[in-house]
Amino acid sequence: LIGIYTGRRYSADEAHGEDWDNRL
């Protein structure tokens, strides 16, 4: 096990509604 990938979770609808451009 290298690790568990963590971070903020988005539902499918939330992810599709986000503007991911110009963001890390």
PDBML (XML) file of the C-alpha atoms, coordinates in Angstrom:
<?xml version="1.0" encoding="UTF-8" ?>
<PDBx:datablock datablockName="MODEL"
   xmlns:PDBx="http://pdbml.pdb.org/schema/pdbx-v50.xsd"
   xmlns:xsi="http://www.w3.org/2001/XMLSchema-instance"
   xsi:schemaLocation="http://pdbml.pdb.org/schema/pdbx-v50.xsd pdbx-v50.xsd">
   <PDBx:atom_siteCategory>
      <PDBx:atom_site id="1">
         <PDBx:B_iso_or_equiv>0.00</PDBx:B_iso_or_equiv>
         <PDBx:Cartn_x>0.000</PDBx:Cartn_x>
         <PDBx:Cartn_y>0.000</PDBx:Cartn_y>
         <PDBx:Cartn_z>0.000</PDBx:Cartn_z>
         <PDBx:auth_asym_id>A</PDBx:auth_asym_id>
         <PDBx:auth_atom_id>CA</PDBx:auth_atom_id>
         <PDBx:auth_comp_id>LEU</PDBx:auth_comp_id>
         <PDBx:auth_seq_id>1</PDBx:auth_seq_id>
         <PDBx:group_PDB>ATOM</PDBx:group_PDB>
         <PDBx:label_alt_id xsi:nil="true" />
         <PDBx:label_asym_id>A</PDBx:label_asym_id>
         <PDBx:label_atom_id>CA</PDBx:label_atom_id>
         <PDBx:label_comp_id>LEU</PDBx:label_comp_id>
         <PDBx:label_entity_id>1</PDBx:label_entity_id>
         <PDBx:label_seq_id>1</PDBx:label_seq_id>
         <PDBx:occupancy>1.00</PDBx:occupancy>
         <PDBx:pdbx_PDB_model_num>1</PDBx:pdbx_PDB_model_num>
         <PDBx:type_symbol>C</PDBx:type_symbol>
      </PDBx:atom_site>
      <PDBx:atom_site id="2">
         <PDBx:B_iso_or_equiv>0.00</PDBx:B_iso_or_equiv>
         <PDBx:Cartn_x>1.471</PDBx:Cartn_x>
         <PDBx:Cartn_y>3.314</PDBx:Cartn_y>
         <PDBx:Cartn_z>-1.095</PDBx:Cartn_z>
         <PDBx:auth_asym_id>A</PDBx:auth_asym_id>
         <PDBx:auth_atom_id>CA</PDBx:auth_atom_id>
         <PDBx:auth_comp_id>ILE</PDBx:auth_comp_id>
         <PDBx:auth_seq_id>2</PDBx:auth_seq_id>
         <PDBx:group_PDB>ATOM</PDBx:group_PDB>
         <PDBx:label_alt_id xsi:nil="true" />
         <PDBx:label_asym_id>A</PDBx:label_asym_id>
         <PDBx:label_atom_id>CA</PDBx:label_atom_id>
         <PDBx:label_comp_id>ILE</PDBx:label_comp_id>
         <PDBx:label_entity_id>1</PDBx:label_entity_id>
         <PDBx:label_seq_id>2</PDBx:label_seq_id>
         <PDBx:occupancy>1.00</PDBx:occupancy>
         <PDBx:pdbx_PDB_model_num>1</PDBx:pdbx_PDB_model_num>
         <PDBx:type_symbol>C</PDBx:type_symbol>
      </PDBx:atom_site>
      <PDBx:atom_site id="3">
         <PDBx:B_iso_or_equiv>0.00</PDBx:B_iso_or_equiv>
         <PDBx:Cartn_x>-1.447</PDBx:Cartn_x>
         <PDBx:Cartn_y>5.272</PDBx:Cartn_y>
         <PDBx:Cartn_z>0.344</PDBx:Cartn_z>
         <PDBx:auth_asym_id>A</PDBx:auth_asym_id>
         <PDBx:auth_atom_id>CA</PDBx:auth_atom_id>
         <PDBx:auth_comp_id>GLY</PDBx:auth_comp_id>
         <PDBx:auth_seq_id>3</PDBx:auth_seq_id>
         <PDBx:group_PDB>ATOM</PDBx:group_PDB>
         <PDBx:label_alt_id xsi:nil="true" />
         <PDBx:label_asym_id>A</PDBx:label_asym_id>
         <PDBx:label_atom_id>CA</PDBx:label_atom_id>
         <PDBx:label_comp_id>GLY</PDBx:label_comp_id>
         <PDBx:label_entity_id>1</PDBx:label_entity_id>
         <PDBx:label_seq_id>3</PDBx:label_seq_id>
         <PDBx:occupancy>1.00</PDBx:occupancy>
         <PDBx:pdbx_PDB_model_num>1</PDBx:pdbx_PDB_model_num>
         <PDBx:type_symbol>C</PDBx:type_symbol>
      </PDBx:atom_site>
      <PDBx:atom_site id="4">
         <PDBx:B_iso_or_equiv>0.00</PDBx:B_iso_or_equiv>
         <PDBx:Cartn_x>-5.110</PDBx:Cartn_x>
         <PDBx:Cartn_y>6.205</PDBx:Cartn_y>
         <PDBx:Cartn_z>0.078</PDBx:Cartn_z>
         <PDBx:auth_asym_id>A</PDBx:auth_asym_id>
         <PDBx:auth_atom_id>CA</PDBx:auth_atom_id>
         <PDBx:auth_comp_id>ILE</PDBx:auth_comp_id>
         <PDBx:auth_seq_id>4</PDBx:auth_seq_id>
         <PDBx:group_PDB>ATOM</PDBx:group_PDB>
         <PDBx:label_alt_id xsi:nil="true" />
         <PDBx:label_asym_id>A</PDBx:label_asym_id>
         <PDBx:label_atom_id>CA</PDBx:label_atom_id>
         <PDBx:label_comp_id>ILE</PDBx:label_comp_id>
         <PDBx:label_entity_id>1</PDBx:label_entity_id>
         <PDBx:label_seq_id>4</PDBx:label_seq_id>
         <PDBx:occupancy>1.00</PDBx:occupancy>
         <PDBx:pdbx_PDB_model_num>1</PDBx:pdbx_PDB_model_num>
         <PDBx:type_symbol>C</PDBx:type_symbol>
      </PDBx:atom_site>
      <PDBx:atom_site id="5">
         <PDBx:B_iso_or_equiv>0.00</PDBx:B_iso_or_equiv>
         <PDBx:Cartn_x>-5.904</PDBx:Cartn_x>
         <PDBx:Cartn_y>8.969</PDBx:Cartn_y>
         <PDBx:Cartn_z>-2.427</PDBx:Cartn_z>
         <PDBx:auth_asym_id>A</PDBx:auth_asym_id>
         <PDBx:auth_atom_id>CA</PDBx:auth_atom_id>
         <PDBx:auth_comp_id>TYR</PDBx:auth_comp_id>
         <PDBx:auth_seq_id>5</PDBx:auth_seq_id>
         <PDBx:group_PDB>ATOM</PDBx:group_PDB>
         <PDBx:label_alt_id xsi:nil="true" />
         <PDBx:label_asym_id>A</PDBx:label_asym_id>
         <PDBx:label_atom_id>CA</PDBx:label_atom_id>
         <PDBx:label_comp_id>TYR</PDBx:label_comp_id>
         <PDBx:label_entity_id>1</PDBx:label_entity_id>
         <PDBx:label_seq_id>5</PDBx:label_seq_id>
         <PDBx:occupancy>1.00</PDBx:occupancy>
         <PDBx:pdbx_PDB_model_num>1</PDBx:pdbx_PDB_model_num>
         <PDBx:type_symbol>C</PDBx:type_symbol>
      </PDBx:atom_site>
      <PDBx:atom_site id="6">
         <PDBx:B_iso_or_equiv>0.00</PDBx:B_iso_or_equiv>
         <PDBx:Cartn_x>-7.748</PDBx:Cartn_x>
         <PDBx:Cartn_y>11.700</PDBx:Cartn_y>
         <PDBx:Cartn_z>-0.536</PDBx:Cartn_z>
         <PDBx:auth_asym_id>A</PDBx:auth_asym_id>
         <PDBx:auth_atom_id>CA</PDBx:auth_atom_id>
         <PDBx:auth_comp_id>THR</PDBx:auth_comp_id>
         <PDBx:auth_seq_id>6</PDBx:auth_seq_id>
         <PDBx:group_PDB>ATOM</PDBx:group_PDB>
         <PDBx:label_alt_id xsi:nil="true" />
         <PDBx:label_asym_id>A</PDBx:label_asym_id>
         <PDBx:label_atom_id>CA</PDBx:label_atom_id>
         <PDBx:label_comp_id>THR</PDBx:label_comp_id>
         <PDBx:label_entity_id>1</PDBx:label_entity_id>
         <PDBx:label_seq_id>6</PDBx:label_seq_id>
         <PDBx:occupancy>1.00</PDBx:occupancy>
         <PDBx:pdbx_PDB_model_num>1</PDBx:pdbx_PDB_model_num>
         <PDBx:type_symbol>C</PDBx:type_symbol>
      </PDBx:atom_site>
      <PDBx:atom_site id="7">
         <PDBx:B_iso_or_equiv>0.00</PDBx:B_iso_or_equiv>
         <PDBx:Cartn_x>-9.239</PDBx:Cartn_x>
         <PDBx:Cartn_y>15.101</PDBx:Cartn_y>
         <PDBx:Cartn_z>-1.234</PDBx:Cartn_z>
         <PDBx:auth_asym_id>A</PDBx:auth_asym_id>
         <PDBx:auth_atom_id>CA</PDBx:auth_atom_id>
         <PDBx:auth_comp_id>GLY</PDBx:auth_comp_id>
         <PDBx:auth_seq_id>7</PDBx:auth_seq_id>
         <PDBx:group_PDB>ATOM</PDBx:group_PDB>
         <PDBx:label_alt_id xsi:nil="true" />
         <PDBx:label_asym_id>A</PDBx:label_asym_id>
         <PDBx:label_atom_id>CA</PDBx:label_atom_id>
         <PDBx:label_comp_id>GLY</PDBx:label_comp_id>
         <PDBx:label_entity_id>1</PDBx:label_entity_id>
         <PDBx:label_seq_id>7</PDBx:label_seq_id>
         <PDBx:occupancy>1.00</PDBx:occupancy>
         <PDBx:pdbx_PDB_model_num>1</PDBx:pdbx_PDB_model_num>
         <PDBx:type_symbol>C</PDBx:type_symbol>
      </PDBx:atom_site>
      <PDBx:atom_site id="8">
         <PDBx:B_iso_or_equiv>0.00</PDBx:B_iso_or_equiv>
         <PDBx:Cartn_x>-12.507</PDBx:Cartn_x>
         <PDBx:Cartn_y>16.901</PDBx:Cartn_y>
         <PDBx:Cartn_z>-1.691</PDBx:Cartn_z>
         <PDBx:auth_asym_id>A</PDBx:auth_asym_id>
         <PDBx:auth_atom_id>CA</PDBx:auth_atom_id>
         <PDBx:auth_comp_id>ARG</PDBx:auth_comp_id>
         <PDBx:auth_seq_id>8</PDBx:auth_seq_id>
         <PDBx:group_PDB>ATOM</PDBx:group_PDB>
         <PDBx:label_alt_id xsi:nil="true" />
         <PDBx:label_asym_id>A</PDBx:label_asym_id>
         <PDBx:label_atom_id>CA</PDBx:label_atom_id>
         <PDBx:label_comp_id>ARG</PDBx:label_comp_id>
         <PDBx:label_entity_id>1</PDBx:label_entity_id>
         <PDBx:label_seq_id>8</PDBx:label_seq_id>
         <PDBx:occupancy>1.00</PDBx:occupancy>
         <PDBx:pdbx_PDB_model_num>1</PDBx:pdbx_PDB_model_num>
         <PDBx:type_symbol>C</PDBx:type_symbol>
      </PDBx:atom_site>
      <PDBx:atom_site id="9">
         <PDBx:B_iso_or_equiv>0.00</PDBx:B_iso_or_equiv>
         <PDBx:Cartn_x>-15.227</PDBx:Cartn_x>
         <PDBx:Cartn_y>14.704</PDBx:Cartn_y>
         <PDBx:Cartn_z>-3.139</PDBx:Cartn_z>
         <PDBx:auth_asym_id>A</PDBx:auth_asym_id>
         <PDBx:auth_atom_id>CA</PDBx:auth_atom_id>
         <PDBx:auth_comp_id>ARG</PDBx:auth_comp_id>
         <PDBx:auth_seq_id>9</PDBx:auth_seq_id>
         <PDBx:group_PDB>ATOM</PDBx:group_PDB>
         <PDBx:label_alt_id xsi:nil="true" />
         <PDBx:label_asym_id>A</PDBx:label_asym_id>
         <PDBx:label_atom_id>CA</PDBx:label_atom_id>
         <PDBx:label_comp_id>ARG</PDBx:label_comp_id>
         <PDBx:label_entity_id>1</PDBx:label_entity_id>
         <PDBx:label_seq_id>9</PDBx:label_seq_id>
         <PDBx:occupancy>1.00</PDBx:occupancy>
         <PDBx:pdbx_PDB_model_num>1</PDBx:pdbx_PDB_model_num>
         <PDBx:type_symbol>C</PDBx:type_symbol>
      </PDBx:atom_site>
      <PDBx:atom_site id="10">
         <PDBx:B_iso_or_equiv>0.00</PDBx:B_iso_or_equiv>
         <PDBx:Cartn_x>-17.619</PDBx:Cartn_x>
         <PDBx:Cartn_y>15.907</PDBx:Cartn_y>
         <PDBx:Cartn_z>-5.798</PDBx:Cartn_z>
         <PDBx:auth_asym_id>A</PDBx:auth_asym_id>
         <PDBx:auth_atom_id>CA</PDBx:auth_atom_id>
         <PDBx:auth_comp_id>TYR</PDBx:auth_comp_id>
         <PDBx:auth_seq_id>10</PDBx:auth_seq_id>
         <PDBx:group_PDB>ATOM</PDBx:group_PDB>
         <PDBx:label_alt_id xsi:nil="true" />
         <PDBx:label_asym_id>A</PDBx:label_asym_id>
         <PDBx:label_atom_id>CA</PDBx:label_atom_id>
         <PDBx:label_comp_id>TYR</PDBx:label_comp_id>
         <PDBx:label_entity_id>1</PDBx:label_entity_id>
         <PDBx:label_seq_id>10</PDBx:label_seq_id>
         <PDBx:occupancy>1.00</PDBx:occupancy>
         <PDBx:pdbx_PDB_model_num>1</PDBx:pdbx_PDB_model_num>
         <PDBx:type_symbol>C</PDBx:type_symbol>
      </PDBx:atom_site>
      <PDBx:atom_site id="11">
         <PDBx:B_iso_or_equiv>0.00</PDBx:B_iso_or_equiv>
         <PDBx:Cartn_x>-20.774</PDBx:Cartn_x>
         <PDBx:Cartn_y>14.147</PDBx:Cartn_y>
         <PDBx:Cartn_z>-6.945</PDBx:Cartn_z>
         <PDBx:auth_asym_id>A</PDBx:auth_asym_id>
         <PDBx:auth_atom_id>CA</PDBx:auth_atom_id>
         <PDBx:auth_comp_id>SER</PDBx:auth_comp_id>
         <PDBx:auth_seq_id>11</PDBx:auth_seq_id>
         <PDBx:group_PDB>ATOM</PDBx:group_PDB>
         <PDBx:label_alt_id xsi:nil="true" />
         <PDBx:label_asym_id>A</PDBx:label_asym_id>
         <PDBx:label_atom_id>CA</PDBx:label_atom_id>
         <PDBx:label_comp_id>SER</PDBx:label_comp_id>
         <PDBx:label_entity_id>1</PDBx:label_entity_id>
         <PDBx:label_seq_id>11</PDBx:label_seq_id>
         <PDBx:occupancy>1.00</PDBx:occupancy>
         <PDBx:pdbx_PDB_model_num>1</PDBx:pdbx_PDB_model_num>
         <PDBx:type_symbol>C</PDBx:type_symbol>
      </PDBx:atom_site>
      <PDBx:atom_site id="12">
         <PDBx:B_iso_or_equiv>0.00</PDBx:B_iso_or_equiv>
         <PDBx:Cartn_x>-21.071</PDBx:Cartn_x>
         <PDBx:Cartn_y>13.635</PDBx:Cartn_y>
         <PDBx:Cartn_z>-10.711</PDBx:Cartn_z>
         <PDBx:auth_asym_id>A</PDBx:auth_asym_id>
         <PDBx:auth_atom_id>CA</PDBx:auth_atom_id>
         <PDBx:auth_comp_id>ALA</PDBx:auth_comp_id>
         <PDBx:auth_seq_id>12</PDBx:auth_seq_id>
         <PDBx:group_PDB>ATOM</PDBx:group_PDB>
         <PDBx:label_alt_id xsi:nil="true" />
         <PDBx:label_asym_id>A</PDBx:label_asym_id>
         <PDBx:label_atom_id>CA</PDBx:label_atom_id>
         <PDBx:label_comp_id>ALA</PDBx:label_comp_id>
         <PDBx:label_entity_id>1</PDBx:label_entity_id>
         <PDBx:label_seq_id>12</PDBx:label_seq_id>
         <PDBx:occupancy>1.00</PDBx:occupancy>
         <PDBx:pdbx_PDB_model_num>1</PDBx:pdbx_PDB_model_num>
         <PDBx:type_symbol>C</PDBx:type_symbol>
      </PDBx:atom_site>
      <PDBx:atom_site id="13">
         <PDBx:B_iso_or_equiv>0.00</PDBx:B_iso_or_equiv>
         <PDBx:Cartn_x>-23.397</PDBx:Cartn_x>
         <PDBx:Cartn_y>16.664</PDBx:Cartn_y>
         <PDBx:Cartn_z>-10.959</PDBx:Cartn_z>
         <PDBx:auth_asym_id>A</PDBx:auth_asym_id>
         <PDBx:auth_atom_id>CA</PDBx:auth_atom_id>
         <PDBx:auth_comp_id>ASP</PDBx:auth_comp_id>
         <PDBx:auth_seq_id>13</PDBx:auth_seq_id>
         <PDBx:group_PDB>ATOM</PDBx:group_PDB>
         <PDBx:label_alt_id xsi:nil="true" />
         <PDBx:label_asym_id>A</PDBx:label_asym_id>
         <PDBx:label_atom_id>CA</PDBx:label_atom_id>
         <PDBx:label_comp_id>ASP</PDBx:label_comp_id>
         <PDBx:label_entity_id>1</PDBx:label_entity_id>
         <PDBx:label_seq_id>13</PDBx:label_seq_id>
         <PDBx:occupancy>1.00</PDBx:occupancy>
         <PDBx:pdbx_PDB_model_num>1</PDBx:pdbx_PDB_model_num>
         <PDBx:type_symbol>C</PDBx:type_symbol>
      </PDBx:atom_site>
      <PDBx:atom_site id="14">
         <PDBx:B_iso_or_equiv>0.00</PDBx:B_iso_or_equiv>
         <PDBx:Cartn_x>-21.075</PDBx:Cartn_x>
         <PDBx:Cartn_y>18.841</PDBx:Cartn_y>
         <PDBx:Cartn_z>-8.861</PDBx:Cartn_z>
         <PDBx:auth_asym_id>A</PDBx:auth_asym_id>
         <PDBx:auth_atom_id>CA</PDBx:auth_atom_id>
         <PDBx:auth_comp_id>GLU</PDBx:auth_comp_id>
         <PDBx:auth_seq_id>14</PDBx:auth_seq_id>
         <PDBx:group_PDB>ATOM</PDBx:group_PDB>
         <PDBx:label_alt_id xsi:nil="true" />
         <PDBx:label_asym_id>A</PDBx:label_asym_id>
         <PDBx:label_atom_id>CA</PDBx:label_atom_id>
         <PDBx:label_comp_id>GLU</PDBx:label_comp_id>
         <PDBx:label_entity_id>1</PDBx:label_entity_id>
         <PDBx:label_seq_id>14</PDBx:label_seq_id>
         <PDBx:occupancy>1.00</PDBx:occupancy>
         <PDBx:pdbx_PDB_model_num>1</PDBx:pdbx_PDB_model_num>
         <PDBx:type_symbol>C</PDBx:type_symbol>
      </PDBx:atom_site>
      <PDBx:atom_site id="15">
         <PDBx:B_iso_or_equiv>0.00</PDBx:B_iso_or_equiv>
         <PDBx:Cartn_x>-18.026</PDBx:Cartn_x>
         <PDBx:Cartn_y>17.815</PDBx:Cartn_y>
         <PDBx:Cartn_z>-10.917</PDBx:Cartn_z>
         <PDBx:auth_asym_id>A</PDBx:auth_asym_id>
         <PDBx:auth_atom_id>CA</PDBx:auth_atom_id>
         <PDBx:auth_comp_id>ALA</PDBx:auth_comp_id>
         <PDBx:auth_seq_id>15</PDBx:auth_seq_id>
         <PDBx:group_PDB>ATOM</PDBx:group_PDB>
         <PDBx:label_alt_id xsi:nil="true" />
         <PDBx:label_asym_id>A</PDBx:label_asym_id>
         <PDBx:label_atom_id>CA</PDBx:label_atom_id>
         <PDBx:label_comp_id>ALA</PDBx:label_comp_id>
         <PDBx:label_entity_id>1</PDBx:label_entity_id>
         <PDBx:label_seq_id>15</PDBx:label_seq_id>
         <PDBx:occupancy>1.00</PDBx:occupancy>
         <PDBx:pdbx_PDB_model_num>1</PDBx:pdbx_PDB_model_num>
         <PDBx:type_symbol>C</PDBx:type_symbol>
      </PDBx:atom_site>
      <PDBx:atom_site id="16">
         <PDBx:B_iso_or_equiv>0.00</PDBx:B_iso_or_equiv>
         <PDBx:Cartn_x>-19.786</PDBx:Cartn_x>
         <PDBx:Cartn_y>18.559</PDBx:Cartn_y>
         <PDBx:Cartn_z>-14.218</PDBx:Cartn_z>
         <PDBx:auth_asym_id>A</PDBx:auth_asym_id>
         <PDBx:auth_atom_id>CA</PDBx:auth_atom_id>
         <PDBx:auth_comp_id>HIS</PDBx:auth_comp_id>
         <PDBx:auth_seq_id>16</PDBx:auth_seq_id>
         <PDBx:group_PDB>ATOM</PDBx:group_PDB>
         <PDBx:label_alt_id xsi:nil="true" />
         <PDBx:label_asym_id>A</PDBx:label_asym_id>
         <PDBx:label_atom_id>CA</PDBx:label_atom_id>
         <PDBx:label_comp_id>HIS</PDBx:label_comp_id>
         <PDBx:label_entity_id>1</PDBx:label_entity_id>
         <PDBx:label_seq_id>16</PDBx:label_seq_id>
         <PDBx:occupancy>1.00</PDBx:occupancy>
         <PDBx:pdbx_PDB_model_num>1</PDBx:pdbx_PDB_model_num>
         <PDBx:type_symbol>C</PDBx:type_symbol>
      </PDBx:atom_site>
      <PDBx:atom_site id="17">
         <PDBx:B_iso_or_equiv>0.00</PDBx:B_iso_or_equiv>
         <PDBx:Cartn_x>-20.829</PDBx:Cartn_x>
         <PDBx:Cartn_y>21.968</PDBx:Cartn_y>
         <PDBx:Cartn_z>-12.865</PDBx:Cartn_z>
         <PDBx:auth_asym_id>A</PDBx:auth_asym_id>
         <PDBx:auth_atom_id>CA</PDBx:auth_atom_id>
         <PDBx:auth_comp_id>GLY</PDBx:auth_comp_id>
         <PDBx:auth_seq_id>17</PDBx:auth_seq_id>
         <PDBx:group_PDB>ATOM</PDBx:group_PDB>
         <PDBx:label_alt_id xsi:nil="true" />
         <PDBx:label_asym_id>A</PDBx:label_asym_id>
         <PDBx:label_atom_id>CA</PDBx:label_atom_id>
         <PDBx:label_comp_id>GLY</PDBx:label_comp_id>
         <PDBx:label_entity_id>1</PDBx:label_entity_id>
         <PDBx:label_seq_id>17</PDBx:label_seq_id>
         <PDBx:occupancy>1.00</PDBx:occupancy>
         <PDBx:pdbx_PDB_model_num>1</PDBx:pdbx_PDB_model_num>
         <PDBx:type_symbol>C</PDBx:type_symbol>
      </PDBx:atom_site>
      <PDBx:atom_site id="18">
         <PDBx:B_iso_or_equiv>0.00</PDBx:B_iso_or_equiv>
         <PDBx:Cartn_x>-17.293</PDBx:Cartn_x>
         <PDBx:Cartn_y>23.002</PDBx:Cartn_y>
         <PDBx:Cartn_z>-11.873</PDBx:Cartn_z>
         <PDBx:auth_asym_id>A</PDBx:auth_asym_id>
         <PDBx:auth_atom_id>CA</PDBx:auth_atom_id>
         <PDBx:auth_comp_id>GLU</PDBx:auth_comp_id>
         <PDBx:auth_seq_id>18</PDBx:auth_seq_id>
         <PDBx:group_PDB>ATOM</PDBx:group_PDB>
         <PDBx:label_alt_id xsi:nil="true" />
         <PDBx:label_asym_id>A</PDBx:label_asym_id>
         <PDBx:label_atom_id>CA</PDBx:label_atom_id>
         <PDBx:label_comp_id>GLU</PDBx:label_comp_id>
         <PDBx:label_entity_id>1</PDBx:label_entity_id>
         <PDBx:label_seq_id>18</PDBx:label_seq_id>
         <PDBx:occupancy>1.00</PDBx:occupancy>
         <PDBx:pdbx_PDB_model_num>1</PDBx:pdbx_PDB_model_num>
         <PDBx:type_symbol>C</PDBx:type_symbol>
      </PDBx:atom_site>
      <PDBx:atom_site id="19">
         <PDBx:B_iso_or_equiv>0.00</PDBx:B_iso_or_equiv>
         <PDBx:Cartn_x>-15.082</PDBx:Cartn_x>
         <PDBx:Cartn_y>25.173</PDBx:Cartn_y>
         <PDBx:Cartn_z>-14.063</PDBx:Cartn_z>
         <PDBx:auth_asym_id>A</PDBx:auth_asym_id>
         <PDBx:auth_atom_id>CA</PDBx:auth_atom_id>
         <PDBx:auth_comp_id>ASP</PDBx:auth_comp_id>
         <PDBx:auth_seq_id>19</PDBx:auth_seq_id>
         <PDBx:group_PDB>ATOM</PDBx:group_PDB>
         <PDBx:label_alt_id xsi:nil="true" />
         <PDBx:label_asym_id>A</PDBx:label_asym_id>
         <PDBx:label_atom_id>CA</PDBx:label_atom_id>
         <PDBx:label_comp_id>ASP</PDBx:label_comp_id>
         <PDBx:label_entity_id>1</PDBx:label_entity_id>
         <PDBx:label_seq_id>19</PDBx:label_seq_id>
         <PDBx:occupancy>1.00</PDBx:occupancy>
         <PDBx:pdbx_PDB_model_num>1</PDBx:pdbx_PDB_model_num>
         <PDBx:type_symbol>C</PDBx:type_symbol>
      </PDBx:atom_site>
      <PDBx:atom_site id="20">
         <PDBx:B_iso_or_equiv>0.00</PDBx:B_iso_or_equiv>
         <PDBx:Cartn_x>-11.786</PDBx:Cartn_x>
         <PDBx:Cartn_y>23.279</PDBx:Cartn_y>
         <PDBx:Cartn_z>-13.853</PDBx:Cartn_z>
         <PDBx:auth_asym_id>A</PDBx:auth_asym_id>
         <PDBx:auth_atom_id>CA</PDBx:auth_atom_id>
         <PDBx:auth_comp_id>TRP</PDBx:auth_comp_id>
         <PDBx:auth_seq_id>20</PDBx:auth_seq_id>
         <PDBx:group_PDB>ATOM</PDBx:group_PDB>
         <PDBx:label_alt_id xsi:nil="true" />
         <PDBx:label_asym_id>A</PDBx:label_asym_id>
         <PDBx:label_atom_id>CA</PDBx:label_atom_id>
         <PDBx:label_comp_id>TRP</PDBx:label_comp_id>
         <PDBx:label_entity_id>1</PDBx:label_entity_id>
         <PDBx:label_seq_id>20</PDBx:label_seq_id>
         <PDBx:occupancy>1.00</PDBx:occupancy>
         <PDBx:pdbx_PDB_model_num>1</PDBx:pdbx_PDB_model_num>
         <PDBx:type_symbol>C</PDBx:type_symbol>
      </PDBx:atom_site>
      <PDBx:atom_site id="21">
         <PDBx:B_iso_or_equiv>0.00</PDBx:B_iso_or_equiv>
         <PDBx:Cartn_x>-9.949</PDBx:Cartn_x>
         <PDBx:Cartn_y>25.547</PDBx:Cartn_y>
         <PDBx:Cartn_z>-16.298</PDBx:Cartn_z>
         <PDBx:auth_asym_id>A</PDBx:auth_asym_id>
         <PDBx:auth_atom_id>CA</PDBx:auth_atom_id>
         <PDBx:auth_comp_id>ASP</PDBx:auth_comp_id>
         <PDBx:auth_seq_id>21</PDBx:auth_seq_id>
         <PDBx:group_PDB>ATOM</PDBx:group_PDB>
         <PDBx:label_alt_id xsi:nil="true" />
         <PDBx:label_asym_id>A</PDBx:label_asym_id>
         <PDBx:label_atom_id>CA</PDBx:label_atom_id>
         <PDBx:label_comp_id>ASP</PDBx:label_comp_id>
         <PDBx:label_entity_id>1</PDBx:label_entity_id>
         <PDBx:label_seq_id>21</PDBx:label_seq_id>
         <PDBx:occupancy>1.00</PDBx:occupancy>
         <PDBx:pdbx_PDB_model_num>1</PDBx:pdbx_PDB_model_num>
         <PDBx:type_symbol>C</PDBx:type_symbol>
      </PDBx:atom_site>
      <PDBx:atom_site id="22">
         <PDBx:B_iso_or_equiv>0.00</PDBx:B_iso_or_equiv>
         <PDBx:Cartn_x>-7.128</PDBx:Cartn_x>
         <PDBx:Cartn_y>27.680</PDBx:Cartn_y>
         <PDBx:Cartn_z>-14.903</PDBx:Cartn_z>
         <PDBx:auth_asym_id>A</PDBx:auth_asym_id>
         <PDBx:auth_atom_id>CA</PDBx:auth_atom_id>
         <PDBx:auth_comp_id>ASN</PDBx:auth_comp_id>
         <PDBx:auth_seq_id>22</PDBx:auth_seq_id>
         <PDBx:group_PDB>ATOM</PDBx:group_PDB>
         <PDBx:label_alt_id xsi:nil="true" />
         <PDBx:label_asym_id>A</PDBx:label_asym_id>
         <PDBx:label_atom_id>CA</PDBx:label_atom_id>
         <PDBx:label_comp_id>ASN</PDBx:label_comp_id>
         <PDBx:label_entity_id>1</PDBx:label_entity_id>
         <PDBx:label_seq_id>22</PDBx:label_seq_id>
         <PDBx:occupancy>1.00</PDBx:occupancy>
         <PDBx:pdbx_PDB_model_num>1</PDBx:pdbx_PDB_model_num>
         <PDBx:type_symbol>C</PDBx:type_symbol>
      </PDBx:atom_site>
      <PDBx:atom_site id="23">
         <PDBx:B_iso_or_equiv>0.00</PDBx:B_iso_or_equiv>
         <PDBx:Cartn_x>-7.116</PDBx:Cartn_x>
         <PDBx:Cartn_y>25.780</PDBx:Cartn_y>
         <PDBx:Cartn_z>-11.584</PDBx:Cartn_z>
         <PDBx:auth_asym_id>A</PDBx:auth_asym_id>
         <PDBx:auth_atom_id>CA</PDBx:auth_atom_id>
         <PDBx:auth_comp_id>ARG</PDBx:auth_comp_id>
         <PDBx:auth_seq_id>23</PDBx:auth_seq_id>
         <PDBx:group_PDB>ATOM</PDBx:group_PDB>
         <PDBx:label_alt_id xsi:nil="true" />
         <PDBx:label_asym_id>A</PDBx:label_asym_id>
         <PDBx:label_atom_id>CA</PDBx:label_atom_id>
         <PDBx:label_comp_id>ARG</PDBx:label_comp_id>
         <PDBx:label_entity_id>1</PDBx:label_entity_id>
         <PDBx:label_seq_id>23</PDBx:label_seq_id>
         <PDBx:occupancy>1.00</PDBx:occupancy>
         <PDBx:pdbx_PDB_model_num>1</PDBx:pdbx_PDB_model_num>
         <PDBx:type_symbol>C</PDBx:type_symbol>
      </PDBx:atom_site>
      <PDBx:atom_site id="24">
         <PDBx:B_iso_or_equiv>0.00</PDBx:B_iso_or_equiv>
         <PDBx:Cartn_x>-4.545</PDBx:Cartn_x>
         <PDBx:Cartn_y>23.388</PDBx:Cartn_y>
         <PDBx:Cartn_z>-10.212</PDBx:Cartn_z>
         <PDBx:auth_asym_id>A</PDBx:auth_asym_id>
         <PDBx:auth_atom_id>CA</PDBx:auth_atom_id>
         <PDBx:auth_comp_id>LEU</PDBx:auth_comp_id>
         <PDBx:auth_seq_id>24</PDBx:auth_seq_id>
         <PDBx:group_PDB>ATOM</PDBx:group_PDB>
         <PDBx:label_alt_id xsi:nil="true" />
         <PDBx:label_asym_id>A</PDBx:label_asym_id>
         <PDBx:label_atom_id>CA</PDBx:label_atom_id>
         <PDBx:label_comp_id>LEU</PDBx:label_comp_id>
         <PDBx:label_entity_id>1</PDBx:label_entity_id>
         <PDBx:label_seq_id>24</PDBx:label_seq_id>
         <PDBx:occupancy>1.00</PDBx:occupancy>
         <PDBx:pdbx_PDB_model_num>1</PDBx:pdbx_PDB_model_num>
         <PDBx:type_symbol>C</PDBx:type_symbol>
      </PDBx:atom_site>
   </PDBx:atom_siteCategory>
</PDBx:datablock>
